[in-house]
């Protein structure tokens, strides 16, 4: 029987003119049959810390008062063998879209493929969920689905069964993706303004045994990072 995986994608610093030099695209994935169990466990961690089960885990909400809660969420990710994370880190400074006859959106789709291609296996099936943002729309989702499928010669779109927009406050695993992407982005931007966020970066580095600013081995299954480098000008 073909195994189905759910993939939860989010991003940071992806807009062309947002004055953020580092873009991080990331995804948390797990087997479809484990999603309910994982969501339940994440809600239990919220309740353990006196939070509503509907509280949204979000990197921008990290604070000293909630640090232990966020550390527990991150530890849960590392302790659960069914959970995996992949991120692509790209520096936007110096991008030369005109030289490659592409728009920023077209480059962005290529980066999404680069981020996801290590996850995708031709004998499995995938359901990909993305956070609803002002920059996303039905047409862009269809385009991304088409680009990803064509890149795998999957013209019938059978490998990626579904690509769908969801609301992050309703999906625990998307919230987990936001947290991990936030830590990777914070490390790569060299930010130091929050001791609580620095503690989470340190925990992620210690648990993964990787610096969050470098490419990992391609076969890494828990925290897989790829630092994309643009082609240098001749």
Foldseek 3Di string as FASTA:
>chain_A
DAWEKEKEKEKDPLDLPPPQFKIKIKIKMFTPVCQVVLLVVLLVLQVVLVHHSLDFQAQVPQAPVCLVSLLVLVVVLLVDPRIAMWMEMEGSPPDDQVVVVHDSLVVVLVVVLVRCVLVFDPRHAYEYEYEDDPVDDPVSQVVSLCVNCVVVVNNVSGRHPYYYYDHRSVGRRNSSGNNVSSLLSCQQSVDDPGPSSVVVVVSVCVSLVHNSNDADPSPDTHYGYHYDDDDDDD
